[in-house]
Amino acid sequence: MRNLTKNTTESIQDLIVQMERNHTAVQRFSKKVNSYTCEPTNSSCFEKLYELRQAFKVFIIQQNRIMGLLKQRKVGAQNLKSDILQQLERFKQLEQDIAAYLLATNPYS
């Protein structure tokens, strides 16, 4: 029984570490998207950029909510596992959207 609890705790900790890394990556993506090299070139790129900025905001709000709950220890990490997994999926989608935007703005890079 202890081994099961230990593995679950380690698994949750791994997910939290991954979530923190994703947060750092999103900050880098945000800087990249806002740089002059990724300026939108047509109306669809402007729309994609707007959607990306909204997705960044949602991602950061959810990230801060989860991390705040973990730091306050009001909710156990095990209870937040589904939220953490959703956040990781949100990151994957955001990463795909960023790649699509970068290819749309500069297909030669």
PDB file of N, CA and C in Angstrom:
ATOM      1  N   MET A   1       0.820  -1.191   0.000  1.00  0.00           N
ATOM      2  CA  MET A   1       0.000   0.000   0.000  1.00  0.00           C
ATOM      3  C   MET A   1       0.863   1.253   0.000  1.00  0.00           C
ATOM      4  N   ARG A   2       1.939   1.241   0.770  1.00  0.00           N
ATOM      5  CA  ARG A   2       2.823   2.407   0.805  1.00  0.00           C
ATOM      6  C   ARG A   2       3.440   2.661  -0.556  1.00  0.00           C
ATOM      7  N   ASN A   3       3.798   1.588  -1.243  1.00  0.00           N
ATOM      8  CA  ASN A   3       4.409   1.717  -2.560  1.00  0.00           C
ATOM      9  C   ASN A   3       3.446   2.391  -3.536  1.00  0.00           C
ATOM     10  N   LEU A   4       2.167   2.036  -3.468  1.00  0.00           N
ATOM     11  CA  LEU A   4       1.160   2.638  -4.332  1.00  0.00           C
ATOM     12  C   LEU A   4       1.031   4.128  -4.042  1.00  0.00           C
ATOM     13  N   THR A   5       0.996   4.511  -2.795  1.00  0.00           N
ATOM     14  CA  THR A   5       0.900   5.917  -2.414  1.00  0.00           C
ATOM     15  C   THR A   5       2.140   6.672  -2.862  1.00  0.00           C
ATOM     16  N   LYS A   6       3.299   6.052  -2.686  1.00  0.00           N
ATOM     17  CA  LYS A   6       4.550   6.695  -3.078  1.00  0.00           C
ATOM     18  C   LYS A   6       4.572   6.938  -4.589  1.00  0.00           C
ATOM     19  N   ASN A   7       4.174   5.942  -5.378  1.00  0.00           N
ATOM     20  CA  ASN A   7       4.161   6.082  -6.836  1.00  0.00           C
ATOM     21  C   ASN A   7       3.170   7.148  -7.282  1.00  0.00           C
ATOM     22  N   THR A   8       2.018   7.185  -6.642  1.00  0.00           N
ATOM     23  CA  THR A   8       1.016   8.190  -6.985  1.00  0.00           C
ATOM     24  C   THR A   8       1.528   9.579  -6.661  1.00  0.00           C
ATOM     25  N   THR A   9       2.164   9.741  -5.516  1.00  0.00           N
ATOM     26  CA  THR A   9       2.702  11.034  -5.120  1.00  0.00           C
ATOM     27  C   THR A   9       3.794  11.468  -6.077  1.00  0.00           C
ATOM     28  N   GLU A  10       4.675  10.552  -6.433  1.00  0.00           N
ATOM     29  CA  GLU A  10       5.740  10.878  -7.375  1.00  0.00           C
ATOM     30  C   GLU A  10       5.158  11.241  -8.734  1.00  0.00           C
ATOM     31  N   SER A  11       4.118  10.539  -9.137  1.00  0.00           N
ATOM     32  CA  SER A  11       3.479  10.820 -10.412  1.00  0.00           C
ATOM     33  C   SER A  11       2.878  12.225 -10.412  1.00  0.00           C
ATOM     34  N   ILE A  12       2.216  12.599  -9.339  1.00  0.00           N
ATOM     35  CA  ILE A  12       1.631  13.935  -9.214  1.00  0.00           C
ATOM     36  C   ILE A  12       2.742  14.976  -9.234  1.00  0.00           C
ATOM     37  N   GLN A  13       3.829  14.718  -8.525  1.00  0.00           N
ATOM     38  CA  GLN A  13       4.940  15.661  -8.502  1.00  0.00           C
ATOM     39  C   GLN A  13       5.540  15.825  -9.900  1.00  0.00           C
ATOM     40  N   ASP A  14       5.635  14.733 -10.639  1.00  0.00           N
ATOM     41  CA  ASP A  14       6.141  14.810 -12.009  1.00  0.00           C
ATOM     42  C   ASP A  14       5.233  15.666 -12.885  1.00  0.00           C
ATOM     43  N   LEU A  15       3.922  15.504 -12.703  1.00  0.00           N
ATOM     44  CA  LEU A  15       2.970  16.303 -13.468  1.00  0.00           C
ATOM     45  C   LEU A  15       3.093  17.787 -13.124  1.00  0.00           C
ATOM     46  N   ILE A  16       3.292  18.087 -11.856  1.00  0.00           N
ATOM     47  CA  ILE A  16       3.441  19.478 -11.425  1.00  0.00           C
ATOM     48  C   ILE A  16       4.704  20.086 -12.013  1.00  0.00           C
ATOM     49  N   VAL A  17       5.792  19.325 -11.993  1.00  0.00           N
ATOM     50  CA  VAL A  17       7.050  19.808 -12.577  1.00  0.00           C
ATOM     51  C   VAL A  17       6.862  20.056 -14.072  1.00  0.00           C
ATOM     52  N   GLN A  18       6.189  19.153 -14.755  1.00  0.00           N
ATOM     53  CA  GLN A  18       5.937  19.324 -16.186  1.00  0.00           C
ATOM     54  C   GLN A  18       5.082  20.561 -16.434  1.00  0.00           C
ATOM     55  N   MET A  19       4.119  20.788 -15.581  1.00  0.00           N
ATOM     56  CA  MET A  19       3.260  21.953 -15.714  1.00  0.00           C
ATOM     57  C   MET A  19       4.064  23.242 -15.546  1.00  0.00           C
ATOM     58  N   GLU A  20       4.990  23.262 -14.612  1.00  0.00           N
ATOM     59  CA  GLU A  20       5.843  24.439 -14.410  1.00  0.00           C
ATOM     60  C   GLU A  20       6.745  24.672 -15.625  1.00  0.00           C
ATOM     61  N   ARG A  21       7.268  23.603 -16.201  1.00  0.00           N
ATOM     62  CA  ARG A  21       8.093  23.735 -17.407  1.00  0.00           C
ATOM     63  C   ARG A  21       7.261  24.287 -18.563  1.00  0.00           C
ATOM     64  N   ASN A  22       6.044  23.809 -18.680  1.00  0.00           N
ATOM     65  CA  ASN A  22       5.157  24.288 -19.729  1.00  0.00           C
ATOM     66  C   ASN A  22       4.881  25.779 -19.565  1.00  0.00           C
ATOM     67  N   HIS A  23       4.752  26.218 -18.327  1.00  0.00           N
ATOM     68  CA  HIS A  23       4.507  27.639 -18.059  1.00  0.00           C
ATOM     69  C   HIS A  23       5.679  28.477 -18.575  1.00  0.00           C
ATOM     70  N   THR A  24       6.880  28.012 -18.324  1.00  0.00           N
ATOM     71  CA  THR A  24       8.071  28.705 -18.816  1.00  0.00           C
ATOM     72  C   THR A  24       8.094  28.710 -20.347  1.00  0.00           C
ATOM     73  N   ALA A  25       7.729  27.602 -20.943  1.00  0.00           N
ATOM     74  CA  ALA A  25       7.705  27.516 -22.407  1.00  0.00           C
ATOM     75  C   ALA A  25       6.665  28.475 -22.991  1.00  0.00           C
ATOM     76  N   VAL A  26       5.524  28.592 -22.345  1.00  0.00           N
ATOM     77  CA  VAL A  26       4.489  29.503 -22.832  1.00  0.00           C
ATOM     78  C   VAL A  26       4.971  30.942 -22.766  1.00  0.00           C
ATOM     79  N   GLN A  27       5.710  31.280 -21.746  1.00  0.00           N
ATOM     80  CA  GLN A  27       6.266  32.630 -21.661  1.00  0.00           C
ATOM     81  C   GLN A  27       7.232  32.888 -22.817  1.00  0.00           C
ATOM     82  N   ARG A  28       8.059  31.903 -23.154  1.00  0.00           N
ATOM     83  CA  ARG A  28       8.973  32.045 -24.290  1.00  0.00           C
ATOM     84  C   ARG A  28       8.197  32.151 -25.600  1.00  0.00           C
ATOM     85  N   PHE A  29       7.151  31.323 -25.748  1.00  0.00           N
ATOM     86  CA  PHE A  29       6.320  31.374 -26.949  1.00  0.00           C
ATOM     87  C   PHE A  29       5.672  32.744 -27.099  1.00  0.00           C
ATOM     88  N   SER A  30       5.223  33.283 -25.988  1.00  0.00           N
ATOM     89  CA  SER A  30       4.570  34.593 -26.017  1.00  0.00           C
ATOM     90  C   SER A  30       5.533  35.664 -26.512  1.00  0.00           C
ATOM     91  N   LYS A  31       6.758  35.624 -26.022  1.00  0.00           N
ATOM     92  CA  LYS A  31       7.772  36.574 -26.490  1.00  0.00           C
ATOM     93  C   LYS A  31       8.048  36.388 -27.977  1.00  0.00           C
ATOM     94  N   LYS A  32       8.141  35.146 -28.404  1.00  0.00           N
ATOM     95  CA  LYS A  32       8.422  34.844 -29.804  1.00  0.00           C
ATOM     96  C   LYS A  32       7.303  35.353 -30.703  1.00  0.00           C
ATOM     97  N   VAL A  33       6.068  35.082 -30.322  1.00  0.00           N
ATOM     98  CA  VAL A  33       4.918  35.483 -31.129  1.00  0.00           C
ATOM     99  C   VAL A  33       4.804  37.005 -31.199  1.00  0.00           C
ATOM    100  N   ASN A  34       5.197  37.692 -30.145  1.00  0.00           N
ATOM    101  CA  ASN A  34       5.103  39.146 -30.116  1.00  0.00           C
ATOM    102  C   ASN A  34       6.319  39.842 -30.725  1.00  0.00           C
ATOM    103  N   SER A  35       7.296  39.082 -31.201  1.00  0.00           N
ATOM    104  CA  SER A  35       8.481  39.699 -31.788  1.00  0.00           C
ATOM    105  C   SER A  35       8.176  40.160 -33.216  1.00  0.00           C
ATOM    106  N   TYR A  36       9.016  41.027 -33.717  1.00  0.00           N
ATOM    107  CA  TYR A  36       8.802  41.573 -35.060  1.00  0.00           C
ATOM    108  C   TYR A  36       8.948  40.519 -36.152  1.00  0.00           C
ATOM    109  N   THR A  37       9.651  39.437 -35.876  1.00  0.00           N
ATOM    110  CA  THR A  37       9.840  38.406 -36.899  1.00  0.00           C
ATOM    111  C   THR A  37       8.578  37.585 -37.135  1.00  0.00           C
ATOM    112  N   CYS A  38       7.615  37.694 -36.236  1.00  0.00           N
ATOM    113  CA  CYS A  38       6.379  36.917 -36.361  1.00  0.00           C
ATOM    114  C   CYS A  38       5.163  37.815 -36.560  1.00  0.00           C
ATOM    115  N   GLU A  39       5.376  38.971 -37.138  1.00  0.00           N
ATOM    116  CA  GLU A  39       4.256  39.872 -37.358  1.00  0.00           C
ATOM    117  C   GLU A  39       3.285  39.258 -38.363  1.00  0.00           C
ATOM    118  N   PRO A  40       1.990  39.443 -38.124  1.00  0.00           N
ATOM    119  CA  PRO A  40       0.993  38.896 -39.046  1.00  0.00           C
ATOM    120  C   PRO A  40       1.101  39.556 -40.423  1.00  0.00           C
ATOM    121  N   THR A  41       0.855  38.771 -41.448  1.00  0.00           N
ATOM    122  CA  THR A  41       0.991  39.280 -42.809  1.00  0.00           C
ATOM    123  C   THR A  41      -0.343  39.401 -43.535  1.00  0.00           C
ATOM    124  N   ASN A  42      -1.379  38.758 -43.017  1.00  0.00           N
ATOM    125  CA  ASN A  42      -2.700  38.857 -43.649  1.00  0.00           C
ATOM    126  C   ASN A  42      -3.776  38.763 -42.572  1.00  0.00           C
ATOM    127  N   SER A  43      -5.031  38.851 -42.988  1.00  0.00           N
ATOM    128  CA  SER A  43      -6.117  38.898 -42.010  1.00  0.00           C
ATOM    129  C   SER A  43      -6.241  37.597 -41.208  1.00  0.00           C
ATOM    130  N   SER A  44      -5.988  36.470 -41.836  1.00  0.00           N
ATOM    131  CA  SER A  44      -6.093  35.213 -41.087  1.00  0.00           C
ATOM    132  C   SER A  44      -4.999  35.122 -40.026  1.00  0.00           C
ATOM    133  N   CYS A  45      -3.827  35.665 -40.316  1.00  0.00           N
ATOM    134  CA  CYS A  45      -2.747  35.670 -39.323  1.00  0.00           C
ATOM    135  C   CYS A  45      -3.086  36.596 -38.154  1.00  0.00           C
ATOM    136  N   PHE A  46      -3.736  37.733 -38.459  1.00  0.00           N
ATOM    137  CA  PHE A  46      -4.168  38.622 -37.382  1.00  0.00           C
ATOM    138  C   PHE A  46      -5.170  37.915 -36.475  1.00  0.00           C
ATOM    139  N   GLU A  47      -6.083  37.163 -37.083  1.00  0.00           N
ATOM    140  CA  GLU A  47      -7.067  36.414 -36.300  1.00  0.00           C
ATOM    141  C   GLU A  47      -6.393  35.338 -35.458  1.00  0.00           C
ATOM    142  N   LYS A  48      -5.447  34.621 -36.051  1.00  0.00           N
ATOM    143  CA  LYS A  48      -4.718  33.585 -35.313  1.00  0.00           C
ATOM    144  C   LYS A  48      -3.936  34.190 -34.157  1.00  0.00           C
ATOM    145  N   LEU A  49      -3.333  35.356 -34.397  1.00  0.00           N
ATOM    146  CA  LEU A  49      -2.575  36.021 -33.336  1.00  0.00           C
ATOM    147  C   LEU A  49      -3.499  36.415 -32.189  1.00  0.00           C
ATOM    148  N   TYR A  50      -4.659  36.940 -32.512  1.00  0.00           N
ATOM    149  CA  TYR A  50      -5.630  37.299 -31.480  1.00  0.00           C
ATOM    150  C   TYR A  50      -6.044  36.065 -30.680  1.00  0.00           C
ATOM    151  N   GLU A  51      -6.335  34.976 -31.377  1.00  0.00           N
ATOM    152  CA  GLU A  51      -6.721  33.734 -30.705  1.00  0.00           C
ATOM    153  C   GLU A  51      -5.590  33.203 -29.827  1.00  0.00           C
ATOM    154  N   LEU A  52      -4.361  33.306 -30.314  1.00  0.00           N
ATOM    155  CA  LEU A  52      -3.212  32.863 -29.524  1.00  0.00           C
ATOM    156  C   LEU A  52      -3.075  33.682 -28.245  1.00  0.00           C
ATOM    157  N   ARG A  53      -3.227  34.983 -28.367  1.00  0.00           N
ATOM    158  CA  ARG A  53      -3.116  35.834 -27.183  1.00  0.00           C
ATOM    159  C   ARG A  53      -4.199  35.497 -26.168  1.00  0.00           C
ATOM    160  N   GLN A  54      -5.409  35.209 -26.648  1.00  0.00           N
ATOM    161  CA  GLN A  54      -6.477  34.799 -25.743  1.00  0.00           C
ATOM    162  C   GLN A  54      -6.148  33.451 -25.092  1.00  0.00           C
ATOM    163  N   ALA A  55      -5.591  32.545 -25.878  1.00  0.00           N
ATOM    164  CA  ALA A  55      -5.219  31.229 -25.348  1.00  0.00           C
ATOM    165  C   ALA A  55      -4.105  31.358 -24.309  1.00  0.00           C
ATOM    166  N   PHE A  56      -3.154  32.280 -24.542  1.00  0.00           N
ATOM    167  CA  PHE A  56      -2.110  32.535 -23.551  1.00  0.00           C
ATOM    168  C   PHE A  56      -2.728  32.991 -22.237  1.00  0.00           C
ATOM    169  N   LYS A  57      -3.681  33.917 -22.322  1.00  0.00           N
ATOM    170  CA  LYS A  57      -4.328  34.436 -21.114  1.00  0.00           C
ATOM    171  C   LYS A  57      -5.045  33.327 -20.352  1.00  0.00           C
ATOM    172  N   VAL A  58      -5.804  32.511 -21.077  1.00  0.00           N
ATOM    173  CA  VAL A  58      -6.534  31.408 -20.435  1.00  0.00           C
ATOM    174  C   VAL A  58      -5.557  30.432 -19.794  1.00  0.00           C
ATOM    175  N   PHE A  59      -4.498  30.106 -20.515  1.00  0.00           N
ATOM    176  CA  PHE A  59      -3.506  29.173 -19.992  1.00  0.00           C
ATOM    177  C   PHE A  59      -2.891  29.704 -18.705  1.00  0.00           C
ATOM    178  N   ILE A  60      -2.484  30.955 -18.709  1.00  0.00           N
ATOM    179  CA  ILE A  60      -1.824  31.537 -17.532  1.00  0.00           C
ATOM    180  C   ILE A  60      -2.792  31.658 -16.364  1.00  0.00           C
ATOM    181  N   ILE A  61      -4.032  32.020 -16.630  1.00  0.00           N
ATOM    182  CA  ILE A  61      -5.031  32.107 -15.550  1.00  0.00           C
ATOM    183  C   ILE A  61      -5.239  30.742 -14.913  1.00  0.00           C
ATOM    184  N   GLN A  62      -5.399  29.713 -15.735  1.00  0.00           N
ATOM    185  CA  GLN A  62      -5.601  28.362 -15.195  1.00  0.00           C
ATOM    186  C   GLN A  62      -4.357  27.873 -14.455  1.00  0.00           C
ATOM    187  N   GLN A  63      -3.201  28.171 -15.003  1.00  0.00           N
ATOM    188  CA  GLN A  63      -1.942  27.772 -14.363  1.00  0.00           C
ATOM    189  C   GLN A  63      -1.828  28.413 -12.987  1.00  0.00           C
ATOM    190  N   ASN A  64      -2.083  29.703 -12.914  1.00  0.00           N
ATOM    191  CA  ASN A  64      -1.990  30.417 -11.640  1.00  0.00           C
ATOM    192  C   ASN A  64      -3.016  29.906 -10.637  1.00  0.00           C
ATOM    193  N   ARG A  65      -4.212  29.554 -11.113  1.00  0.00           N
ATOM    194  CA  ARG A  65      -5.245  29.017 -10.217  1.00  0.00           C
ATOM    195  C   ARG A  65      -4.797  27.689  -9.611  1.00  0.00           C
ATOM    196  N   ILE A  66      -4.296  26.805 -10.450  1.00  0.00           N
ATOM    197  CA  ILE A  66      -3.858  25.491  -9.977  1.00  0.00           C
ATOM    198  C   ILE A  66      -2.681  25.636  -9.011  1.00  0.00           C
ATOM    199  N   MET A  67      -1.694  26.425  -9.413  1.00  0.00           N
ATOM    200  CA  MET A  67      -0.519  26.591  -8.556  1.00  0.00           C
ATOM    201  C   MET A  67      -0.886  27.280  -7.245  1.00  0.00           C
ATOM    202  N   GLY A  68      -1.809  28.220  -7.296  1.00  0.00           N
ATOM    203  CA  GLY A  68      -2.262  28.884  -6.071  1.00  0.00           C
ATOM    204  C   GLY A  68      -2.926  27.911  -5.120  1.00  0.00           C
ATOM    205  N   LEU A  69      -3.760  27.031  -5.644  1.00  0.00           N
ATOM    206  CA  LEU A  69      -4.407  26.027  -4.795  1.00  0.00           C
ATOM    207  C   LEU A  69      -3.382  25.064  -4.198  1.00  0.00           C
ATOM    208  N   LEU A  70      -2.387  24.707  -4.986  1.00  0.00           N
ATOM    209  CA  LEU A  70      -1.355  23.809  -4.471  1.00  0.00           C
ATOM    210  C   LEU A  70      -0.531  24.482  -3.376  1.00  0.00           C
ATOM    211  N   LYS A  71      -0.207  25.755  -3.557  1.00  0.00           N
ATOM    212  CA  LYS A  71       0.597  26.463  -2.563  1.00  0.00           C
ATOM    213  C   LYS A  71      -0.172  26.707  -1.276  1.00  0.00           C
ATOM    214  N   GLN A  72      -1.472  26.957  -1.390  1.00  0.00           N
ATOM    215  CA  GLN A  72      -2.282  27.187  -0.198  1.00  0.00           C
ATOM    216  C   GLN A  72      -2.585  25.895   0.541  1.00  0.00           C
ATOM    217  N   ARG A  73      -2.410  24.791  -0.158  1.00  0.00           N
ATOM    218  CA  ARG A  73      -2.663  23.456   0.400  1.00  0.00           C
ATOM    219  C   ARG A  73      -4.113  23.286   0.863  1.00  0.00           C
ATOM    220  N   LYS A  74      -5.009  24.054   0.244  1.00  0.00           N
ATOM    221  CA  LYS A  74      -6.430  23.885   0.551  1.00  0.00           C
ATOM    222  C   LYS A  74      -6.965  22.632  -0.131  1.00  0.00           C
ATOM    223  N   VAL A  75      -6.386  22.331  -1.274  1.00  0.00           N
ATOM    224  CA  VAL A  75      -6.794  21.166  -2.035  1.00  0.00           C
ATOM    225  C   VAL A  75      -5.548  20.312  -2.254  1.00  0.00           C
ATOM    226  N   GLY A  76      -5.661  19.033  -2.030  1.00  0.00           N
ATOM    227  CA  GLY A  76      -4.525  18.146  -2.223  1.00  0.00           C
ATOM    228  C   GLY A  76      -4.192  17.992  -3.702  1.00  0.00           C
ATOM    229  N   ALA A  77      -2.961  17.690  -3.962  1.00  0.00           N
ATOM    230  CA  ALA A  77      -2.499  17.521  -5.338  1.00  0.00           C
ATOM    231  C   ALA A  77      -3.263  16.393  -6.037  1.00  0.00           C
ATOM    232  N   GLN A  78      -3.591  15.355  -5.300  1.00  0.00           N
ATOM    233  CA  GLN A  78      -4.328  14.225  -5.876  1.00  0.00           C
ATOM    234  C   GLN A  78      -5.702  14.678  -6.368  1.00  0.00           C
ATOM    235  N   ASN A  79      -6.332  15.594  -5.630  1.00  0.00           N
ATOM    236  CA  ASN A  79      -7.646  16.102  -6.034  1.00  0.00           C
ATOM    237  C   ASN A  79      -7.556  16.995  -7.269  1.00  0.00           C
ATOM    238  N   LEU A  80      -6.404  17.560  -7.516  1.00  0.00           N
ATOM    239  CA  LEU A  80      -6.213  18.439  -8.670  1.00  0.00           C
ATOM    240  C   LEU A  80      -5.641  17.717  -9.878  1.00  0.00           C
ATOM    241  N   LYS A  81      -5.499  16.413  -9.780  1.00  0.00           N
ATOM    242  CA  LYS A  81      -4.862  15.666 -10.862  1.00  0.00           C
ATOM    243  C   LYS A  81      -5.582  15.872 -12.190  1.00  0.00           C
ATOM    244  N   SER A  82      -6.905  15.850 -12.193  1.00  0.00           N
ATOM    245  CA  SER A  82      -7.635  16.039 -13.455  1.00  0.00           C
ATOM    246  C   SER A  82      -7.410  17.448 -14.007  1.00  0.00           C
ATOM    247  N   ASP A  83      -7.359  18.455 -13.123  1.00  0.00           N
ATOM    248  CA  ASP A  83      -7.080  19.826 -13.567  1.00  0.00           C
ATOM    249  C   ASP A  83      -5.676  19.932 -14.147  1.00  0.00           C
ATOM    250  N   ILE A  84      -4.725  19.269 -13.517  1.00  0.00           N
ATOM    251  CA  ILE A  84      -3.340  19.293 -13.994  1.00  0.00           C
ATOM    252  C   ILE A  84      -3.253  18.619 -15.363  1.00  0.00           C
ATOM    253  N   LEU A  85      -3.934  17.495 -15.529  1.00  0.00           N
ATOM    254  CA  LEU A  85      -3.918  16.804 -16.818  1.00  0.00           C
ATOM    255  C   LEU A  85      -4.577  17.647 -17.907  1.00  0.00           C
ATOM    256  N   GLN A  86      -5.658  18.347 -17.558  1.00  0.00           N
ATOM    257  CA  GLN A  86      -6.295  19.250 -18.517  1.00  0.00           C
ATOM    258  C   GLN A  86      -5.349  20.374 -18.913  1.00  0.00           C
ATOM    259  N   GLN A  87      -4.612  20.878 -17.950  1.00  0.00           N
ATOM    260  CA  GLN A  87      -3.662  21.953 -18.229  1.00  0.00           C
ATOM    261  C   GLN A  87      -2.558  21.465 -19.163  1.00  0.00           C
ATOM    262  N   LEU A  88      -2.104  20.245 -18.969  1.00  0.00           N
ATOM    263  CA  LEU A  88      -1.081  19.681 -19.848  1.00  0.00           C
ATOM    264  C   LEU A  88      -1.630  19.497 -21.270  1.00  0.00           C
ATOM    265  N   GLU A  89      -2.878  19.097 -21.388  1.00  0.00           N
ATOM    266  CA  GLU A  89      -3.506  18.975 -22.704  1.00  0.00           C
ATOM    267  C   GLU A  89      -3.687  20.349 -23.344  1.00  0.00           C
ATOM    268  N   ARG A  90      -4.044  21.335 -22.534  1.00  0.00           N
ATOM    269  CA  ARG A  90      -4.180  22.707 -23.027  1.00  0.00           C
ATOM    270  C   ARG A  90      -2.847  23.197 -23.587  1.00  0.00           C
ATOM    271  N   PHE A  91      -1.758  22.828 -22.924  1.00  0.00           N
ATOM    272  CA  PHE A  91      -0.429  23.212 -23.406  1.00  0.00           C
ATOM    273  C   PHE A  91      -0.130  22.569 -24.758  1.00  0.00           C
ATOM    274  N   LYS A  92      -0.454  21.295 -24.907  1.00  0.00           N
ATOM    275  CA  LYS A  92      -0.199  20.613 -26.175  1.00  0.00           C
ATOM    276  C   LYS A  92      -0.945  21.293 -27.320  1.00  0.00           C
ATOM    277  N   GLN A  93      -2.196  21.658 -27.063  1.00  0.00           N
ATOM    278  CA  GLN A  93      -2.988  22.329 -28.084  1.00  0.00           C
ATOM    279  C   GLN A  93      -2.405  23.703 -28.400  1.00  0.00           C
ATOM    280  N   LEU A  94      -2.012  24.415 -27.371  1.00  0.00           N
ATOM    281  CA  LEU A  94      -1.425  25.736 -27.553  1.00  0.00           C
ATOM    282  C   LEU A  94      -0.122  25.640 -28.351  1.00  0.00           C
ATOM    283  N   GLU A  95       0.655  24.629 -28.061  1.00  0.00           N
ATOM    284  CA  GLU A  95       1.909  24.414 -28.774  1.00  0.00           C
ATOM    285  C   GLU A  95       1.658  24.168 -30.266  1.00  0.00           C
ATOM    286  N   GLN A  96       0.628  23.392 -30.567  1.00  0.00           N
ATOM    287  CA  GLN A  96       0.274  23.138 -31.963  1.00  0.00           C
ATOM    288  C   GLN A  96      -0.204  24.415 -32.650  1.00  0.00           C
ATOM    289  N   ASP A  97      -1.010  25.206 -31.942  1.00  0.00           N
ATOM    290  CA  ASP A  97      -1.509  26.462 -32.506  1.00  0.00           C
ATOM    291  C   ASP A  97      -0.365  27.441 -32.778  1.00  0.00           C
ATOM    292  N   ILE A  98       0.604  27.472 -31.885  1.00  0.00           N
ATOM    293  CA  ILE A  98       1.754  28.353 -32.066  1.00  0.00           C
ATOM    294  C   ILE A  98       2.564  27.910 -33.284  1.00  0.00           C
ATOM    295  N   ALA A  99       2.786  26.630 -33.419  1.00  0.00           N
ATOM    296  CA  ALA A  99       3.531  26.123 -34.568  1.00  0.00           C
ATOM    297  C   ALA A  99       2.814  26.462 -35.875  1.00  0.00           C
ATOM    298  N   ALA A 100       1.499  26.325 -35.890  1.00  0.00           N
ATOM    299  CA  ALA A 100       0.732  26.660 -37.088  1.00  0.00           C
ATOM    300  C   ALA A 100       0.841  28.145 -37.401  1.00  0.00           C
ATOM    301  N   TYR A 101       0.785  28.973 -36.369  1.00  0.00           N
ATOM    302  CA  TYR A 101       0.901  30.413 -36.575  1.00  0.00           C
ATOM    303  C   TYR A 101       2.293  30.776 -37.107  1.00  0.00           C
ATOM    304  N   LEU A 102       3.315  30.194 -36.522  1.00  0.00           N
ATOM    305  CA  LEU A 102       4.685  30.508 -36.969  1.00  0.00           C
ATOM    306  C   LEU A 102       4.896  30.087 -38.421  1.00  0.00           C
ATOM    307  N   LEU A 103       4.341  28.966 -38.799  1.00  0.00           N
ATOM    308  CA  LEU A 103       4.453  28.534 -40.191  1.00  0.00           C
ATOM    309  C   LEU A 103       3.661  29.448 -41.130  1.00  0.00           C
ATOM    310  N   ALA A 104       2.530  29.953 -40.645  1.00  0.00           N
ATOM    311  CA  ALA A 104       1.709  30.838 -41.475  1.00  0.00           C
ATOM    312  C   ALA A 104       2.371  32.191 -41.668  1.00  0.00           C
ATOM    313  N   THR A 105       3.078  32.684 -40.648  1.00  0.00           N
ATOM    314  CA  THR A 105       3.681  34.015 -40.757  1.00  0.00           C
ATOM    315  C   THR A 105       5.025  33.984 -41.468  1.00  0.00           C
ATOM    316  N   ASN A 106       5.732  32.874 -41.347  1.00  0.00           N
ATOM    317  CA  ASN A 106       7.038  32.789 -41.995  1.00  0.00           C
ATOM    318  C   ASN A 106       7.287  31.353 -42.416  1.00  0.00           C
ATOM    319  N   PRO A 107       6.809  30.970 -43.599  1.00  0.00           N
ATOM    320  CA  PRO A 107       6.931  29.573 -44.027  1.00  0.00           C
ATOM    321  C   PRO A 107       8.364  29.138 -44.310  1.00  0.00           C
ATOM    322  N   TYR A 108       9.311  30.082 -44.336  1.00  0.00           N
ATOM    323  CA  TYR A 108      10.705  29.734 -44.653  1.00  0.00           C
ATOM    324  C   TYR A 108      11.569  29.493 -43.428  1.00  0.00           C
ATOM    325  N   SER A 109      11.004  29.684 -42.234  1.00  0.00           N
ATOM    326  CA  SER A 109      11.831  29.499 -41.033  1.00  0.00           C
ATOM    327  C   SER A 109      11.762  28.086 -40.512  1.00  0.00           C
TER     328      SER A 109
END
